[in-house]
Every structure is written in structure tokens, then in C-alpha cells.
Amino acid sequence: MDCHRREILMAGLAATVGGGRAGRAIAEGASVAPSAKEKPPMDGTFRFDDEARAAAAEDFGHIVHQTPEGVLFPGSADDVAAIIRWAGAAHRKVAPRGQSHSVYGRAQARDGIVIDMTPLRAIGPIQNDRVVVGAGATWRAVLAATLPRGLTPPVLTDYLDLSVGGTLVVGGVGGTTSRYGMQSDNVLEMDVITGRGERITCSPDSNGELFHMVRAGLGQVGVITGATLRLIPAPQRVRRYLLAYPNLKTLLADERLLAADDRFDAVQGAIVPAPTGWTFRLDAACAFSGDEPPDDTALLTGVSHDRAAAKLSTLPYIDYVNRLAALEQLLRANGQWRYAHPWLTTFVGDSQVESVVSDALDRLTPADLGTFGQVVLSAFRRPADASPLLRLPADSLSYAFNLVRIPTTNAVTEADRLVKANRALYERVRAAGGTLYPVSALPMSHDDWRSHFGSAWARFRDAKQRFDPGHVLTPGYAVFAAGGGP
């Protein structure tokens, strides 16, 4: 790996993220960087102590560790603009950080400035079809504010404790993506600070190029400080169908069937290691309100699952969207939440999915995933108006093909082995016309990214030159070479 490794103690930031303070930026701790007094006046708090810097050198992946010079807790969007302008003049890099759920150091900035966006988490106002939120707000907090009004975002990530800004810059995939697209397809307007330090409000009709290059743009041309999100009426309950299959071929046949007729609101597939090999599952959901549940017989007509193994249940909508909470609690309790998470997330087209996945399963062992790990294999139709920088296979039907690895050991050698395995599998996916979902634990070079963005590369490169000519923003992805690339 091209990043240095060292042990870092995760430091809590609860004492420092409770909101900005008026006046000049305050440098806290004993080991203040020599350049601290040069920083611009602002409302928030700077920290240059070892604790804050060590925390910003860590993320959910626990694989890459790059220590910044300092960490900014902004009191306002103006603070974000000011530090980006200062960083550009001082030849430093800046990386925004939401809930630290990167798995490969993408929100880190070695010897630069990390902006902890969590203080910018205001929510409101809420209207019948939209809500204005700070980029540091989590989807859980957004939902908590909108559900009492009977409203919900159309697409929610399976894990709700991700920041709004953090998912919009990668796309944001959820169980309802086949119906509503990505989360980045459901944002109506954004407040963005460009790499020049300019505050710009953008939408499809105003500053449209910035709007399109920020969505799924990996933070390369601007930092989102706020967003107006689309809302739809929220259901009261969900009828959930956990279906079992004997093999991959049957699972894929039903995924195609259900994606074509849209009878369920969400359908997600999984392949789970078992003592005798692999088990194949579908998790389908039909949302409803009122007392009359959906017709199970009609919904399962033509579906080729193992009827004796099916598990049907009805639960409140909030419990359904929060269904990963129990797994998180378990992993926190047994210590595995703090282990490395060398996850791989990709998209594979329908024409190649059976061969690619079959080959991957032949090579995988249960140890490659861990006791609680799984292979995600979920079909979705190409969004009609997808974010232009979200790269998908050419097929009209694609699959999220992800390895959710939860190792049973925290050994560095095991994490390194799995990162190398991720790279090898990604190359096979790419050779089959598949694409990367960039929240993945594997190294990517400038040439890799240029190949990844394909026909959108020239437009993306031009946007970088226009909005971040000094290459100040989000260095962790290593998308652009020092000179911007050819």
C-alpha cells in the first residue's frame, strides 16, 4: 500500500463539536502548529492538539492513517470558505469529513486541514415536498425531523448514521434506488464552497454545471455545506419478506422479475457464508399505511423462492429503515466495530453478473467475509436522470455487487491481504464492463480514475480546473494528478 501505517488511538470529539463560538478561531491544546496564528478570523474552533489530529487521521475503515496539521470545527459556512481560501494561499490541502465512514482514508489530508462538518447539522425548514439541511446532518436526524410531518426522503442508505454531504458526494445507494434513483438524484439545491473559496448556491437551473459536478463528484470541485432534499409521503408500516433460494441462478431470475414489474418498494439480495457453502436470500419490502396489509399471495406470485423457508413480518417504517441497528450494537459490543473494514462496492451489468459473481464465489472463503459479513447483490434499474459522475454499467439493469467484509481479527496483515483481493476483484469487474462505487477499500491511481470516469472525464477535469484550480480539495481520492492530468 502507498500510505504509511501506524497505530492511532481513536479520540472522541464530543466536547468540541457542540456548535461554533463567535470571534477569532481558537487553537486548543499544547502542540499548536506554528502557523496557527496566521489563520483567518472565524466563528468556529481550530484544534491542533494531538488528540484532535489523531482522530482526524482515523476512519471507519481503520486501514489508512494520514495525520493533518489541524482540524476545523466550523461555526458557519463562511468558516469553510475562509479556510479553503487560506489553504489555497498556503499550499495546503483540505478534506471535509462527515461521520468518518470512509473505509480507505478518502476524508483525510496528510499535513493539511480536515474540516469536521458535524457542527453544520441544522435541519429545517420543512415543506410538503422538501427540507433544507446542513451537510453535517445525518440521515437519521433528517428522518427524525421529517417523519412527524409524515414525510421521508425517497432513498435512504441502509445505515442511517451517515452524513447528508458525505453520501451526496458519492451518490448514495439505497433499497429504493430502482424506483427513485440515488440520493444524489433527489437533491434539489445545494450550498457549495468551491476550491476557490467561493460560496455558491446551485441547482439544475442555476449554476448547473457546479451542481452536476458536485453530485457524486467525490468532493473534488466543492464542499457541500447545505442541501435542499426532496421529500415524499412516508408510509406507516412495511410488510417484509425474507426469501431463501437454492442457488445464484434462481436468485438472479427473481431479481430480474421483481425489478421488471416493480411490485415491491425495495428488493435487496444477499449471499451469506454457511457451513455447507453459500446461502442466497432476498429481502423484499412493501410499504403501506392504514390497517390493511398488502396481499402476500399477489406479491409472491411467480416468485421461485423456497416457500418453507420464507419469513414474513410487519413492522413500523422506522424500524424497517433502522434494521441495521441491532448488527451495529452487536459489533460494537464484541469489538469488531473497531476492526478494519476492507469493503468493496461495485456495480455489475445484468449481462455479466452471473459469470462475475460465480467466479467471485469460487474464489471467496467464509474467512474473507467473516462471521457477520456478506455479499450484497441487489438489482436496480438505471435511473432516468442519474448524476452524471455516477458511473454505471451500460446495461439498463445493474446490480450493486458488494463485499461487506467484517474480519474476525484486527491484524494488519489480514487487512492488507483483503485490500489486495479487492483490487484483483475490481479489475475483473472492470474487465466485464462493471464500475466502482467509490466507497471502497482499494488503491486507485490517477489513470484508474480517468478510466473510471470514461466519457465524463473531460467534463470533470474542466470542472476541476474551473472550480478548484489549485487542487486544494479532498486529496484522499487521488483523482487528479498534480497538474490536473491530460
Protein backbone atom coordinates (compact mmCIF):
# COMPACT_ATOMS: atom_id res chain seq x y z
CA MET A 1 0.00 0.00 0.00
CA ASP A 2 1.22 3.55 -0.75
CA CYS A 3 0.12 5.04 2.60
CA HIS A 4 2.16 4.77 5.78
CA ARG A 5 0.72 2.72 8.61
CA ARG A 6 0.83 3.35 12.32
CA GLU A 7 -1.28 2.72 15.34
CA ILE A 8 -3.64 5.58 16.21
CA LEU A 9 -5.84 5.84 19.29
CA MET A 10 -9.32 6.99 18.35
CA ALA A 11 -10.11 10.18 20.24
CA GLY A 12 -13.67 11.29 20.92
CA LEU A 13 -14.69 14.74 19.74
CA ALA A 14 -17.91 15.16 21.70
CA ALA A 15 -16.55 18.04 23.74
CA THR A 16 -15.69 20.11 20.71
CA VAL A 17 -18.48 19.65 18.18
CA GLY A 18 -21.35 21.18 20.08
CA GLY A 19 -21.53 24.30 17.92
CA GLY A 20 -19.36 27.23 16.88
CA ARG A 21 -18.17 30.07 19.06
CA ALA A 22 -18.17 33.67 17.91
CA GLY A 23 -14.95 35.56 17.49
CA ARG A 24 -11.48 34.59 16.35
CA ALA A 25 -10.65 30.93 15.79
CA ILE A 26 -9.39 29.29 18.97
CA ALA A 27 -6.39 26.96 18.87
CA GLU A 28 -6.70 24.34 21.61
CA GLY A 29 -4.12 22.03 23.14
CA ALA A 30 -0.43 22.16 23.87
CA SER A 31 1.05 21.26 20.48
CA VAL A 32 -0.20 24.24 18.46
CA ALA A 33 1.10 24.35 14.91
CA PRO A 34 3.44 27.30 14.26
CA SER A 35 1.11 28.64 11.57
CA ALA A 36 -1.97 28.73 13.82
CA LYS A 37 -1.82 32.48 14.41
CA GLU A 38 -1.88 33.04 10.67
CA LYS A 39 -5.34 31.52 10.29
CA PRO A 40 -8.22 33.84 9.32
CA PRO A 41 -10.81 35.08 11.85
CA MET A 42 -13.90 32.90 12.04
CA ASP A 43 -16.76 31.71 14.22
CA GLY A 44 -15.62 28.16 14.82
CA THR A 45 -12.83 26.33 16.58
CA PHE A 46 -9.46 25.12 15.36
CA ARG A 47 -7.66 22.33 17.11
CA PHE A 48 -4.03 21.48 16.59
CA ASP A 49 -3.56 19.16 19.58
CA ASP A 50 -2.51 15.55 19.17
CA GLU A 51 -5.91 14.20 20.20
CA ALA A 52 -7.85 16.06 17.50
CA ARG A 53 -5.25 15.36 14.84
CA ALA A 54 -5.14 11.64 15.68
CA ALA A 55 -8.93 11.40 15.48
CA ALA A 56 -8.92 13.01 12.03
CA ALA A 57 -6.28 10.51 10.90
CA GLU A 58 -8.72 7.66 11.54
CA ASP A 59 -11.93 6.49 9.88
CA PHE A 60 -14.36 3.58 9.82
CA GLY A 61 -12.03 1.60 7.56
CA HIS A 62 -9.17 1.61 10.12
CA ILE A 63 -6.75 0.92 7.27
CA VAL A 64 -5.27 4.26 6.16
CA HIS A 65 -3.95 6.82 8.67
CA GLN A 66 -2.84 10.28 7.49
CA THR A 67 -2.41 12.98 10.13
CA PRO A 68 -3.48 16.55 9.31
CA GLU A 69 -1.90 19.74 10.57
CA GLY A 70 -5.15 20.77 12.21
CA VAL A 71 -8.88 20.20 12.44
CA LEU A 72 -11.52 22.90 11.93
CA PHE A 73 -14.93 22.72 13.58
CA PRO A 74 -16.76 25.41 11.59
CA GLY A 75 -19.31 27.69 13.17
CA SER A 76 -20.72 28.66 9.77
CA ALA A 77 -20.37 28.11 6.05
CA ASP A 78 -18.28 31.29 5.98
CA ASP A 79 -15.68 29.45 8.08
CA VAL A 80 -15.44 26.73 5.44
CA ALA A 81 -14.95 29.33 2.71
CA ALA A 82 -12.32 31.18 4.74
CA ILE A 83 -10.22 28.10 5.48
CA ILE A 84 -10.35 26.94 1.86
CA ARG A 85 -9.12 30.34 0.69
CA TRP A 86 -6.38 30.30 3.33
CA ALA A 87 -5.36 26.75 2.41
CA GLY A 88 -5.09 27.65 -1.25
CA ALA A 89 -2.78 30.55 -0.46
CA ALA A 90 -0.74 28.42 1.95
CA HIS A 91 -0.46 25.47 -0.47
CA ARG A 92 -2.28 23.11 1.87
CA LYS A 93 -4.95 20.51 1.14
CA VAL A 94 -8.41 20.47 2.70
CA ALA A 95 -10.67 17.47 3.28
CA PRO A 96 -14.26 17.70 4.58
CA ARG A 97 -15.26 14.95 6.98
CA GLY A 98 -18.78 13.93 7.97
CA GLN A 99 -19.33 10.82 10.10
CA SER A 100 -15.90 9.32 9.28
CA HIS A 101 -17.34 6.35 7.43
CA SER A 102 -14.76 6.31 4.69
CA VAL A 103 -13.08 2.91 4.52
CA TYR A 104 -9.83 3.98 2.83
CA GLY A 105 -8.73 7.39 4.07
CA ARG A 106 -10.68 9.40 1.48
CA ALA A 107 -11.60 12.11 4.03
CA GLN A 108 -8.07 12.51 5.34
CA ALA A 109 -5.49 15.19 4.49
CA ARG A 110 -1.90 14.49 5.43
CA ASP A 111 -0.33 17.73 6.79
CA GLY A 112 -3.42 19.61 5.60
CA ILE A 113 -6.69 20.70 7.21
CA VAL A 114 -9.62 18.40 7.94
CA ILE A 115 -12.97 20.19 8.25
CA ASP A 116 -15.26 18.34 10.63
CA MET A 117 -18.66 19.12 9.14
CA THR A 118 -20.77 17.82 12.04
CA PRO A 119 -21.41 21.29 13.55
CA LEU A 120 -23.23 22.23 10.32
CA ARG A 121 -26.17 19.96 11.06
CA ALA A 122 -29.20 22.26 11.25
CA ILE A 123 -32.46 20.86 9.84
CA GLY A 124 -35.32 22.98 8.53
CA PRO A 125 -37.47 24.47 7.32
CA ILE A 126 -39.60 21.50 6.26
CA GLN A 127 -42.14 21.92 3.47
CA ASN A 128 -44.54 19.42 1.94
CA ASP A 129 -42.03 18.21 -0.63
CA ARG A 130 -38.60 19.32 0.64
CA VAL A 131 -36.37 20.04 3.61
CA VAL A 132 -33.28 22.22 3.98
CA VAL A 133 -30.47 20.58 5.94
CA GLY A 134 -26.85 21.18 6.87
CA ALA A 135 -24.36 18.88 5.19
CA GLY A 136 -23.24 17.55 8.57
CA ALA A 137 -26.71 16.29 9.49
CA THR A 138 -27.16 12.52 9.47
CA TRP A 139 -29.94 10.80 7.57
CA ARG A 140 -31.19 9.53 10.93
CA ALA A 141 -31.58 13.13 12.13
CA VAL A 142 -33.27 14.16 8.87
CA LEU A 143 -35.74 11.30 9.22
CA ALA A 144 -36.41 12.16 12.87
CA ALA A 145 -37.37 15.68 11.78
CA THR A 146 -39.50 14.74 8.76
CA LEU A 147 -41.35 11.65 9.97
CA PRO A 148 -43.52 13.57 12.46
CA ARG A 149 -44.75 15.51 9.41
CA GLY A 150 -45.48 12.25 7.60
CA LEU A 151 -42.57 12.72 5.18
CA THR A 152 -39.40 10.85 4.27
CA PRO A 153 -36.51 11.14 1.80
CA PRO A 154 -37.24 8.82 -1.16
CA VAL A 155 -33.90 6.99 -0.80
CA LEU A 156 -32.20 6.11 2.46
CA THR A 157 -28.91 4.32 2.87
CA ASP A 158 -29.19 1.07 4.81
CA TYR A 159 -27.10 2.63 7.58
CA LEU A 160 -28.75 5.86 8.75
CA ASP A 161 -25.81 7.37 10.63
CA LEU A 162 -24.10 8.74 7.53
CA SER A 163 -23.97 12.46 6.82
CA VAL A 164 -26.02 14.04 4.07
CA GLY A 165 -22.99 15.71 2.49
CA GLY A 166 -20.94 12.53 2.70
CA THR A 167 -23.42 10.47 0.69
CA LEU A 168 -24.32 13.14 -1.87
CA VAL A 169 -20.68 13.37 -2.99
CA VAL A 170 -20.55 9.62 -3.73
CA GLY A 171 -24.13 9.05 -4.90
CA GLY A 172 -25.96 7.31 -2.07
CA VAL A 173 -27.45 3.90 -2.88
CA GLY A 174 -30.48 2.51 -1.04
CA GLY A 175 -33.11 -0.18 -1.24
CA THR A 176 -35.44 2.13 -3.20
CA THR A 177 -32.83 3.19 -5.77
CA SER A 178 -34.51 1.16 -8.51
CA ARG A 179 -37.62 3.31 -8.10
CA TYR A 180 -36.20 6.71 -7.15
CA GLY A 181 -32.54 6.72 -8.21
CA MET A 182 -29.62 7.64 -5.97
CA GLN A 183 -29.73 10.09 -3.08
CA SER A 184 -27.76 12.48 -5.29
CA ASP A 185 -30.63 12.29 -7.81
CA ASN A 186 -33.04 13.56 -5.15
CA VAL A 187 -31.28 16.74 -4.08
CA LEU A 188 -32.95 19.91 -5.37
CA GLU A 189 -30.37 22.54 -4.46
CA MET A 190 -27.01 22.74 -2.70
CA ASP A 191 -24.91 25.36 -0.98
CA VAL A 192 -21.33 24.74 -2.03
CA ILE A 193 -17.92 26.23 -1.28
CA THR A 194 -15.66 25.80 -4.31
CA GLY A 195 -11.93 25.18 -4.22
CA ARG A 196 -11.52 28.91 -4.79
CA GLY A 197 -13.37 29.58 -1.54
CA GLU A 198 -16.47 30.96 -3.31
CA ARG A 199 -19.91 30.40 -1.77
CA ILE A 200 -22.34 29.37 -4.50
CA THR A 201 -25.90 28.10 -4.37
CA CYS A 202 -26.50 25.70 -7.23
CA SER A 203 -29.37 23.71 -8.71
CA PRO A 204 -30.22 22.24 -12.12
CA ASP A 205 -31.38 25.70 -13.25
CA SER A 206 -28.79 27.90 -11.51
CA ASN A 207 -25.04 27.24 -11.64
CA GLY A 208 -25.99 23.91 -13.14
CA GLU A 209 -22.50 22.75 -14.05
CA LEU A 210 -21.33 23.04 -10.46
CA PHE A 211 -24.48 21.24 -9.30
CA HIS A 212 -23.81 18.30 -11.64
CA MET A 213 -20.08 18.09 -10.85
CA VAL A 214 -20.61 18.11 -7.09
CA ARG A 215 -23.16 15.28 -7.07
CA ALA A 216 -21.14 12.04 -6.94
CA GLY A 217 -18.07 14.20 -7.60
CA LEU A 218 -16.04 12.86 -4.66
CA GLY A 219 -15.56 16.33 -3.19
CA GLN A 220 -13.20 17.33 -6.00
CA VAL A 221 -14.72 20.68 -7.02
CA GLY A 222 -16.60 21.88 -3.94
CA VAL A 223 -17.57 21.24 -0.33
CA ILE A 224 -21.31 20.91 0.32
CA THR A 225 -22.37 22.94 3.35
CA GLY A 226 -26.15 22.61 2.94
CA ALA A 227 -28.72 20.90 0.74
CA THR A 228 -32.41 21.01 -0.08
CA LEU A 229 -33.65 17.43 -0.21
CA ARG A 230 -36.73 16.06 -1.91
CA LEU A 231 -39.38 14.52 0.37
CA ILE A 232 -42.28 12.17 -0.31
CA PRO A 233 -45.13 10.90 1.91
CA ALA A 234 -43.84 8.36 4.42
CA PRO A 235 -45.59 5.01 4.89
CA GLN A 236 -46.65 3.91 8.34
CA ARG A 237 -45.64 0.27 8.06
CA VAL A 238 -43.64 -2.16 5.97
CA ARG A 239 -44.52 -5.73 5.07
CA ARG A 240 -41.17 -7.52 4.91
CA TYR A 241 -40.45 -10.74 3.00
CA LEU A 242 -37.22 -12.64 3.73
CA LEU A 243 -36.93 -15.21 0.95
CA ALA A 244 -34.43 -18.05 0.52
CA TYR A 245 -33.05 -19.55 -2.71
CA PRO A 246 -31.17 -22.73 -3.55
CA ASN A 247 -28.60 -21.14 -5.88
CA LEU A 248 -27.39 -17.99 -7.61
CA LYS A 249 -29.25 -18.65 -10.84
CA THR A 250 -32.65 -18.77 -9.13
CA LEU A 251 -31.87 -15.70 -7.05
CA LEU A 252 -30.96 -13.71 -10.16
CA ALA A 253 -34.07 -14.85 -12.01
CA ASP A 254 -36.29 -13.45 -9.26
CA GLU A 255 -34.28 -10.26 -9.00
CA ARG A 256 -34.88 -9.68 -12.71
CA LEU A 257 -38.58 -10.48 -12.36
CA LEU A 258 -39.12 -8.14 -9.42
CA ALA A 259 -37.07 -5.32 -10.94
CA ALA A 260 -39.17 -5.51 -14.10
CA ASP A 261 -42.65 -5.35 -12.57
CA ASP A 262 -41.88 -3.05 -9.62
CA ARG A 263 -44.28 -4.85 -7.28
CA PHE A 264 -42.09 -4.21 -4.20
CA ASP A 265 -40.82 -0.87 -2.94
CA ALA A 266 -37.40 -2.31 -2.17
CA VAL A 267 -35.63 -5.55 -3.08
CA GLN A 268 -32.15 -6.37 -1.84
CA GLY A 269 -30.21 -9.57 -2.40
CA ALA A 270 -27.53 -11.14 -0.23
CA ILE A 271 -25.23 -14.16 -0.35
CA VAL A 272 -24.15 -15.34 3.07
CA PRO A 273 -21.47 -17.86 4.03
CA ALA A 274 -22.73 -21.05 5.64
CA PRO A 275 -21.05 -24.24 6.89
CA THR A 276 -22.14 -26.05 3.74
CA GLY A 277 -21.30 -23.29 1.26
CA TRP A 278 -23.41 -20.26 0.40
CA THR A 279 -26.98 -19.30 1.18
CA PHE A 280 -28.91 -17.00 -1.15
CA ARG A 281 -31.51 -14.52 0.10
CA LEU A 282 -33.83 -11.72 -0.95
CA ASP A 283 -35.11 -9.05 1.43
CA ALA A 284 -38.21 -7.52 -0.19
CA ALA A 285 -40.38 -4.79 1.29
CA CYS A 286 -43.82 -3.39 0.52
CA ALA A 287 -44.68 -0.17 2.34
CA PHE A 288 -48.26 0.72 3.28
CA SER A 289 -50.39 2.88 5.54
CA GLY A 290 -53.63 2.06 7.29
CA ASP A 291 -54.74 -1.25 8.71
CA GLU A 292 -54.96 -3.33 5.53
CA PRO A 293 -51.62 -5.08 4.77
CA PRO A 294 -50.52 -5.97 1.23
CA ASP A 295 -51.75 -9.18 -0.38
CA ASP A 296 -48.95 -11.70 0.23
CA THR A 297 -50.22 -14.12 -2.38
CA ALA A 298 -50.30 -11.49 -5.12
CA LEU A 299 -46.85 -10.17 -4.23
CA LEU A 300 -45.26 -13.62 -4.25
CA THR A 301 -46.97 -14.92 -7.40
CA GLY A 302 -44.38 -16.27 -9.82
CA VAL A 303 -41.53 -15.95 -7.32
CA SER A 304 -39.33 -19.07 -7.14
CA HIS A 305 -38.18 -18.90 -3.53
CA ASP A 306 -38.18 -21.75 -1.03
CA ARG A 307 -41.66 -21.27 0.43
CA ALA A 308 -41.00 -23.32 3.55
CA ALA A 309 -38.05 -21.08 4.49
CA ALA A 310 -39.78 -17.74 3.88
CA LYS A 311 -40.16 -15.35 6.81
CA LEU A 312 -42.85 -12.67 6.61
CA SER A 313 -43.35 -9.87 9.11
CA THR A 314 -44.93 -6.44 9.50
CA LEU A 315 -43.08 -3.65 11.27
CA PRO A 316 -43.20 0.13 11.65
CA TYR A 317 -41.48 2.07 8.87
CA ILE A 318 -38.87 3.50 11.26
CA ASP A 319 -37.95 0.00 12.46
CA TYR A 320 -37.52 -1.19 8.89
CA VAL A 321 -35.21 1.63 7.82
CA ASN A 322 -33.28 1.22 11.09
CA ARG A 323 -32.88 -2.54 10.65
CA LEU A 324 -29.05 -2.50 10.85
CA ALA A 325 -29.05 -1.05 14.37
CA ALA A 326 -29.01 -4.49 16.02
CA LEU A 327 -25.96 -5.59 13.98
CA GLU A 328 -24.13 -2.37 14.84
CA GLN A 329 -24.81 -2.88 18.54
CA LEU A 330 -23.52 -6.44 18.32
CA LEU A 331 -20.32 -5.44 16.53
CA ARG A 332 -19.70 -2.63 18.99
CA ALA A 333 -20.24 -4.99 21.90
CA ASN A 334 -17.81 -7.66 20.63
CA GLY A 335 -15.18 -5.15 19.47
CA GLN A 336 -15.42 -5.79 15.73
CA TRP A 337 -16.77 -2.30 15.03
CA ARG A 338 -13.23 -1.06 15.71
CA TYR A 339 -11.60 -3.61 13.41
CA ALA A 340 -10.55 -2.86 9.84
CA HIS A 341 -13.38 -2.78 7.28
CA PRO A 342 -11.88 -3.60 3.87
CA TRP A 343 -15.17 -3.34 2.00
CA LEU A 344 -15.56 -3.41 -1.77
CA THR A 345 -18.57 -1.87 -3.53
CA THR A 346 -19.13 -2.18 -7.27
CA PHE A 347 -21.81 -2.21 -9.97
CA VAL A 348 -22.11 -5.08 -12.45
CA GLY A 349 -24.36 -5.17 -15.51
CA ASP A 350 -27.02 -7.85 -15.92
CA SER A 351 -25.35 -9.38 -18.96
CA GLN A 352 -22.22 -10.27 -16.96
CA VAL A 353 -23.48 -10.60 -13.41
CA GLU A 354 -23.83 -14.38 -13.24
CA SER A 355 -20.33 -15.09 -14.53
CA VAL A 356 -18.68 -12.37 -12.42
CA VAL A 357 -20.41 -13.38 -9.20
CA SER A 358 -19.98 -17.11 -9.77
CA ASP A 359 -16.26 -16.59 -10.28
CA ALA A 360 -16.04 -14.44 -7.15
CA LEU A 361 -17.86 -17.03 -5.04
CA ASP A 362 -15.50 -19.74 -6.28
CA ARG A 363 -12.55 -17.68 -5.04
CA LEU A 364 -14.07 -16.46 -1.76
CA THR A 365 -13.92 -18.30 1.54
CA PRO A 366 -16.00 -17.60 4.66
CA ALA A 367 -12.89 -16.12 6.27
CA ASP A 368 -12.77 -13.49 3.51
CA LEU A 369 -16.08 -12.10 4.78
CA GLY A 370 -16.14 -13.01 8.46
CA THR A 371 -18.96 -14.41 10.56
CA PHE A 372 -21.18 -11.37 10.09
CA GLY A 373 -20.09 -10.45 6.57
CA GLN A 374 -21.97 -11.00 3.34
CA VAL A 375 -22.02 -10.45 -0.40
CA VAL A 376 -24.61 -7.85 -1.40
CA LEU A 377 -26.22 -8.49 -4.79
CA SER A 378 -29.11 -6.12 -5.43
CA ALA A 379 -30.66 -5.35 -8.82
CA PHE A 380 -31.72 -1.83 -9.78
CA ARG A 381 -32.79 -0.13 -12.97
CA ARG A 382 -30.62 2.66 -14.33
CA PRO A 383 -32.01 5.98 -13.03
CA ALA A 384 -33.63 8.01 -15.81
CA ASP A 385 -31.68 11.14 -14.86
CA ALA A 386 -28.69 9.81 -12.98
CA SER A 387 -25.99 12.05 -11.57
CA PRO A 388 -23.54 12.37 -14.49
CA LEU A 389 -20.46 11.45 -12.45
CA LEU A 390 -22.01 8.29 -11.01
CA ARG A 391 -20.58 5.67 -13.34
CA LEU A 392 -22.81 2.68 -14.07
CA PRO A 393 -22.56 -0.27 -16.48
CA ALA A 394 -24.15 0.15 -19.90
CA ASP A 395 -26.93 -2.36 -19.12
CA SER A 396 -30.37 -0.99 -18.29
CA LEU A 397 -30.39 -3.35 -15.28
CA SER A 398 -27.40 -3.34 -12.96
CA TYR A 399 -26.53 -4.89 -9.62
CA ALA A 400 -24.87 -3.48 -6.56
CA PHE A 401 -22.22 -6.16 -6.02
CA ASN A 402 -20.50 -5.55 -2.70
CA LEU A 403 -18.26 -7.49 -0.34
CA VAL A 404 -19.13 -6.45 3.19
CA ARG A 405 -16.09 -7.86 4.92
CA ILE A 406 -16.16 -7.97 8.74
CA PRO A 407 -12.90 -9.69 9.72
CA THR A 408 -12.64 -11.61 12.97
CA THR A 409 -9.11 -10.33 13.51
CA ASN A 410 -7.66 -6.83 13.56
CA ALA A 411 -4.30 -7.95 12.21
CA VAL A 412 -2.73 -5.50 9.76
CA THR A 413 -1.60 -8.37 7.54
CA GLU A 414 -5.19 -9.58 7.14
CA ALA A 415 -6.45 -6.11 6.19
CA ASP A 416 -3.63 -5.80 3.64
CA ARG A 417 -4.50 -9.19 2.17
CA LEU A 418 -8.15 -8.26 1.75
CA VAL A 419 -7.32 -4.87 0.20
CA LYS A 420 -5.19 -6.66 -2.40
CA ALA A 421 -8.03 -9.10 -3.01
CA ASN A 422 -10.39 -6.14 -3.51
CA ARG A 423 -8.11 -4.72 -6.16
CA ALA A 424 -7.96 -8.04 -8.01
CA LEU A 425 -11.75 -8.45 -7.95
CA TYR A 426 -12.28 -4.85 -9.06
CA GLU A 427 -10.09 -5.49 -12.09
CA ARG A 428 -12.23 -8.50 -13.01
CA VAL A 429 -15.40 -6.43 -12.54
CA ARG A 430 -13.99 -3.64 -14.69
CA ALA A 431 -12.96 -6.11 -17.44
CA ALA A 432 -16.59 -7.28 -17.50
CA GLY A 433 -17.90 -3.74 -18.03
CA GLY A 434 -18.63 -3.10 -14.36
CA THR A 435 -17.82 0.03 -12.40
CA LEU A 436 -16.65 1.05 -8.96
CA TYR A 437 -18.78 2.65 -6.31
CA PRO A 438 -16.01 4.77 -4.80
CA VAL A 439 -16.66 3.96 -1.12
CA SER A 440 -14.28 1.02 -1.42
CA ALA A 441 -11.07 -0.10 0.27
CA LEU A 442 -8.59 -0.33 -2.56
CA PRO A 443 -5.90 1.90 -4.06
CA MET A 444 -6.83 3.89 -7.18
CA SER A 445 -4.35 5.81 -9.32
CA HIS A 446 -4.97 8.89 -11.44
CA ASP A 447 -5.10 6.64 -14.53
CA ASP A 448 -7.58 4.35 -12.80
CA TRP A 449 -9.87 7.29 -12.09
CA ARG A 450 -9.57 8.59 -15.64
CA SER A 451 -10.62 5.15 -16.90
CA HIS A 452 -13.39 5.01 -14.30
CA PHE A 453 -14.99 8.30 -15.35
CA GLY A 454 -14.61 7.45 -19.03
CA SER A 455 -16.64 9.75 -21.28
CA ALA A 456 -17.29 12.11 -18.33
CA TRP A 457 -13.57 12.62 -17.64
CA ALA A 458 -13.02 15.68 -19.82
CA ARG A 459 -16.04 17.44 -18.32
CA PHE A 460 -14.91 16.54 -14.79
CA ARG A 461 -11.35 17.68 -15.47
CA ASP A 462 -12.58 21.01 -16.83
CA ALA A 463 -14.77 21.50 -13.77
CA LYS A 464 -11.78 20.83 -11.53
CA GLN A 465 -9.77 23.45 -13.36
CA ARG A 466 -12.62 25.95 -13.14
CA PHE A 467 -13.71 25.46 -9.53
CA ASP A 468 -10.54 24.14 -7.83
CA PRO A 469 -7.58 25.16 -9.98
CA GLY A 470 -5.19 24.96 -7.02
CA HIS A 471 -6.17 21.35 -6.31
CA VAL A 472 -6.97 22.19 -2.71
CA LEU A 473 -9.89 19.84 -2.12
CA THR A 474 -10.24 16.24 -0.94
CA PRO A 475 -6.83 14.74 -1.75
CA GLY A 476 -7.64 11.29 -0.35
CA TYR A 477 -9.12 10.00 -3.60
CA ALA A 478 -6.04 10.96 -5.66
CA VAL A 479 -8.33 11.58 -8.64
CA PHE A 480 -6.27 14.30 -10.30
CA ALA A 481 -2.50 14.39 -10.87
CA ALA A 482 -0.59 17.45 -9.70
CA GLY A 483 -1.08 19.21 -13.00
CA GLY A 484 -4.66 18.09 -13.49
CA GLY A 485 -3.98 15.21 -15.85
CA PRO A 486 -4.31 15.06 -19.63
